[in-house]
Amino acid sequence: NWTVGDLLAADLPLELPADLPPGAYTLQTGWYDSVSGTRAVVSDDAGPHANDAAQLQMVTVAKP
């Protein structure tokens, strides 16, 4: 079980579609129950997050 203040760090590749338009995007994540496949509820002191997604950071996509 996770408790308030627990941290998770992971380096994961992020594959973007070749036709993704340049711009600023919000990177977000969600969690699922490994048994049922049900999406876990994400909330904080302000209440539930939209689509049960945790907002991580903004990323900028630029074309070379």
Protein backbone atom coordinates (compact mmCIF):
# COMPACT_ATOMS: atom_id res chain seq x y z
CA ASN A 1 0.00 0.00 0.00
CA TRP A 2 1.11 3.52 -0.76
CA THR A 3 0.87 6.27 1.79
CA VAL A 4 1.07 10.06 1.53
CA GLY A 5 4.61 11.09 0.67
CA ASP A 6 5.63 7.83 -1.01
CA LEU A 7 7.51 8.40 -4.27
CA LEU A 8 7.78 6.34 -7.43
CA ALA A 9 10.60 6.98 -9.88
CA ALA A 10 10.87 5.21 -13.22
CA ASP A 11 12.63 5.86 -16.52
CA LEU A 12 10.24 4.85 -19.29
CA PRO A 13 10.46 5.44 -23.04
CA LEU A 14 7.82 7.72 -24.50
CA GLU A 15 7.08 6.88 -28.12
CA LEU A 16 5.31 9.66 -29.98
CA PRO A 17 3.49 9.31 -33.30
CA ALA A 18 5.54 10.56 -36.25
CA ASP A 19 2.68 12.87 -37.27
CA LEU A 20 2.23 14.47 -33.81
CA PRO A 21 2.01 18.24 -34.34
CA PRO A 22 4.64 20.38 -32.58
CA GLY A 23 3.37 22.06 -29.44
CA ALA A 24 3.03 21.90 -25.67
CA TYR A 25 1.41 18.82 -24.16
CA THR A 26 0.56 17.80 -20.60
CA LEU A 27 2.12 14.51 -19.60
CA GLN A 28 -0.22 12.54 -17.36
CA THR A 29 -0.54 9.06 -15.94
CA GLY A 30 -3.05 6.79 -14.27
CA TRP A 31 -3.02 3.54 -12.36
CA TYR A 32 -5.01 0.34 -12.76
CA ASP A 33 -5.88 -2.52 -10.41
CA SER A 34 -3.74 -5.45 -11.61
CA VAL A 35 -6.49 -7.98 -10.87
CA SER A 36 -9.66 -6.29 -12.11
CA GLY A 37 -8.17 -3.86 -14.65
CA THR A 38 -10.24 -1.08 -13.09
CA ARG A 39 -8.81 2.42 -13.28
CA ALA A 40 -7.79 3.69 -9.82
CA VAL A 41 -9.28 6.94 -8.53
CA VAL A 42 -6.82 9.85 -8.46
CA SER A 43 -7.61 12.72 -6.11
CA ASP A 44 -5.97 15.31 -3.88
CA ASP A 45 -7.12 17.88 -1.32
CA ALA A 46 -8.99 19.75 -4.08
CA GLY A 47 -10.95 16.63 -5.06
CA PRO A 48 -10.88 14.08 -7.86
CA HIS A 49 -8.73 14.60 -10.96
CA ALA A 50 -10.33 14.60 -14.41
CA ASN A 51 -10.30 11.13 -15.95
CA ASP A 52 -8.53 9.85 -12.82
CA ALA A 53 -5.25 11.08 -14.30
CA ALA A 54 -2.33 12.57 -12.38
CA GLN A 55 -0.83 15.57 -14.19
CA LEU A 56 2.95 15.16 -14.30
CA GLN A 57 4.46 18.03 -16.30
CA MET A 58 4.30 19.94 -19.53
CA VAL A 59 6.44 18.73 -22.42
CA THR A 60 7.22 20.55 -25.66
CA VAL A 61 7.34 18.62 -28.92
CA ALA A 62 9.49 20.18 -31.65
CA LYS A 63 10.26 18.91 -35.12
CA PRO A 64 13.95 18.59 -36.02
